[in-house]
Amino acid sequence: MSAANPQPGPYDPNHYGAPQPPAQPPTQPPGQPQYYPGAGYPAAPPVYPGAAGAAGMPMQQSNGMGTAALVCGIVGLVCGITYFLWFFAIILGILAIIFGAIGKGKVGRGEAGNAGSATAGLVCGIIGMVVPAIYLMALDAALDSIF
């Protein structure tokens, strides 16, 4: 065994006969920039989980409150028009008003983009609560006039 050509050991990276990398980069003619293989583009900077908003990526909008206000408002309005479901209309109207107000607040802060749904849910919730109140006042007036 000579020192110039040592015997490969079991932990040697070239133990399986992998080709040796060139010792020096390829030579270029004089006056040309030196070329290194694999040195095309710089590496991308690391991405951290909390830095998505700081890196210029827009936040994902959460339109759930405006949508919930619209659904509660429409169902509450239908229940309000149907006389015997007036109790559900009042509960759904209150929920629609709360969800609509929260949804409009999110739209104002730029966290949501469905201002129309939040406003429509708010209006439907108010109307859904007013219609049963009108029904109950009319029923009370009718009962007072009879008795």
Protein backbone atom coordinates (compact mmCIF):
# COMPACT_ATOMS: atom_id res chain seq x y z
CA MET A 1 0.00 0.00 0.00
CA SER A 2 1.49 3.32 -1.02
CA ALA A 3 0.81 6.80 0.35
CA ALA A 4 -0.03 8.16 -3.10
CA ASN A 5 -2.84 5.64 -3.68
CA PRO A 6 -4.35 4.66 -0.32
CA GLN A 7 -6.73 1.71 -0.02
CA PRO A 8 -10.38 2.97 0.37
CA GLY A 9 -11.84 2.24 3.80
CA PRO A 10 -15.46 1.38 4.67
CA TYR A 11 -16.24 5.02 5.64
CA ASP A 12 -14.65 6.60 2.59
CA PRO A 13 -17.23 8.53 0.47
CA ASN A 14 -15.68 7.05 -2.70
CA HIS A 15 -15.82 3.51 -1.38
CA TYR A 16 -18.32 2.48 -4.09
CA GLY A 17 -16.36 3.85 -6.99
CA ALA A 18 -18.06 7.25 -7.35
CA PRO A 19 -16.19 9.53 -9.74
CA GLN A 20 -13.81 11.99 -8.15
CA PRO A 21 -14.79 15.69 -8.50
CA PRO A 22 -12.27 17.80 -10.39
CA ALA A 23 -9.64 19.30 -8.16
CA GLN A 24 -9.76 22.69 -9.92
CA PRO A 25 -12.46 24.47 -11.91
CA PRO A 26 -12.06 24.23 -15.67
CA THR A 27 -9.68 26.75 -17.09
CA GLN A 28 -10.95 29.53 -19.32
CA PRO A 29 -9.08 31.53 -21.88
CA PRO A 30 -7.38 34.63 -20.46
CA GLY A 31 -9.70 37.63 -20.12
CA GLN A 32 -12.81 35.49 -19.65
CA PRO A 33 -14.60 35.37 -16.27
CA GLN A 34 -13.87 32.26 -14.25
CA TYR A 35 -16.71 29.69 -14.47
CA TYR A 36 -17.63 27.50 -11.53
CA PRO A 37 -20.11 24.69 -12.14
CA GLY A 38 -23.39 25.14 -10.27
CA ALA A 39 -22.80 28.83 -9.54
CA GLY A 40 -25.72 30.18 -11.64
CA TYR A 41 -28.18 31.80 -9.24
CA PRO A 42 -27.86 32.68 -5.56
CA ALA A 43 -29.78 30.63 -3.03
CA ALA A 44 -33.23 31.83 -1.97
CA PRO A 45 -33.51 33.39 1.49
CA PRO A 46 -35.04 31.18 4.18
CA VAL A 47 -38.78 31.50 4.78
CA TYR A 48 -39.97 31.66 8.36
CA PRO A 49 -43.54 30.64 9.28
CA GLY A 50 -44.45 33.93 10.99
CA ALA A 51 -42.97 36.19 8.32
CA ALA A 52 -45.57 35.59 5.59
CA GLY A 53 -47.31 38.94 6.15
CA ALA A 54 -44.03 40.80 6.47
CA ALA A 55 -42.71 39.40 3.19
CA GLY A 56 -45.41 41.15 1.18
CA MET A 57 -47.84 38.24 0.88
CA PRO A 58 -51.42 39.39 1.46
CA MET A 59 -53.37 37.94 4.36
CA GLN A 60 -56.08 35.48 3.51
CA GLN A 61 -59.46 37.12 3.94
CA SER A 62 -61.94 35.63 6.39
CA ASN A 63 -65.43 36.20 5.03
CA GLY A 64 -67.18 33.85 7.46
CA MET A 65 -68.86 36.50 9.62
CA GLY A 66 -70.48 38.29 6.69
CA THR A 67 -71.65 35.00 5.22
CA ALA A 68 -73.03 33.85 8.59
CA ALA A 69 -74.85 37.19 8.94
CA LEU A 70 -76.42 36.78 5.51
CA VAL A 71 -77.56 33.22 6.18
CA CYS A 72 -78.96 34.03 9.65
CA GLY A 73 -80.63 37.16 8.29
CA ILE A 74 -82.35 35.37 5.40
CA VAL A 75 -83.52 32.45 7.53
CA GLY A 76 -84.60 34.86 10.27
CA LEU A 77 -86.54 36.92 7.74
CA VAL A 78 -88.33 33.83 6.44
CA CYS A 79 -89.12 32.76 10.01
CA GLY A 80 -90.36 36.28 10.77
CA ILE A 81 -92.73 36.27 7.83
CA THR A 82 -94.04 32.88 8.95
CA TYR A 83 -96.07 33.86 11.99
CA PHE A 84 -95.69 30.75 14.11
CA LEU A 85 -91.85 30.79 13.87
CA TRP A 86 -91.51 34.29 15.36
CA PHE A 87 -89.35 33.04 18.25
CA PHE A 88 -86.69 31.69 15.85
CA ALA A 89 -86.86 34.93 13.86
CA ILE A 90 -85.91 36.98 16.92
CA ILE A 91 -82.98 34.69 17.82
CA LEU A 92 -81.69 34.54 14.23
CA GLY A 93 -82.19 38.30 13.85
CA ILE A 94 -80.03 38.98 16.90
CA LEU A 95 -77.33 36.62 15.57
CA ALA A 96 -77.48 38.24 12.12
CA ILE A 97 -77.05 41.70 13.64
CA ILE A 98 -74.06 40.56 15.72
CA PHE A 99 -72.40 38.69 12.84
CA GLY A 100 -73.10 41.56 10.43
CA ALA A 101 -71.55 44.13 12.74
CA ILE A 102 -68.45 41.97 13.25
CA GLY A 103 -68.25 41.32 9.49
CA LYS A 104 -68.48 45.04 8.67
CA GLY A 105 -65.73 45.70 11.22
CA LYS A 106 -63.51 43.15 9.49
CA VAL A 107 -64.23 44.75 6.12
CA GLY A 108 -63.24 48.13 7.55
CA ARG A 109 -59.92 46.70 8.78
CA GLY A 110 -59.26 44.96 5.44
CA GLU A 111 -59.55 41.44 6.87
CA ALA A 112 -62.63 40.58 4.78
CA GLY A 113 -63.94 41.51 1.37
CA ASN A 114 -67.67 40.86 1.57
CA ALA A 115 -69.11 44.15 2.73
CA GLY A 116 -72.30 43.53 0.74
CA SER A 117 -73.01 40.21 2.44
CA ALA A 118 -72.39 41.66 5.89
CA THR A 119 -74.66 44.65 5.18
CA ALA A 120 -77.40 42.48 3.67
CA GLY A 121 -77.25 40.13 6.67
CA LEU A 122 -77.47 43.09 9.03
CA VAL A 123 -80.50 44.54 7.22
CA CYS A 124 -82.25 41.16 6.92
CA GLY A 125 -81.64 40.52 10.62
CA ILE A 126 -83.20 43.87 11.56
CA ILE A 127 -86.20 43.33 9.30
CA GLY A 128 -86.50 39.73 10.53
CA MET A 129 -86.81 41.06 14.09
CA VAL A 130 -89.18 43.92 13.25
CA VAL A 131 -91.74 41.81 11.33
CA PRO A 132 -92.56 39.51 14.30
CA ALA A 133 -92.76 42.54 16.57
CA ILE A 134 -95.35 44.06 14.20
CA TYR A 135 -97.25 40.75 14.17
CA LEU A 136 -97.25 40.59 17.97
CA MET A 137 -98.41 44.21 18.30
CA ALA A 138 -101.20 43.57 15.79
CA LEU A 139 -102.23 40.45 17.67
CA ASP A 140 -102.23 42.36 20.96
CA ALA A 141 -104.36 45.14 19.43
CA ALA A 142 -106.78 42.61 17.98
CA LEU A 143 -107.11 40.80 21.29
CA ASP A 144 -107.66 44.09 23.14
CA SER A 145 -110.43 45.12 20.77
CA ILE A 146 -112.18 41.76 21.15
CA PHE A 147 -112.01 41.47 24.91
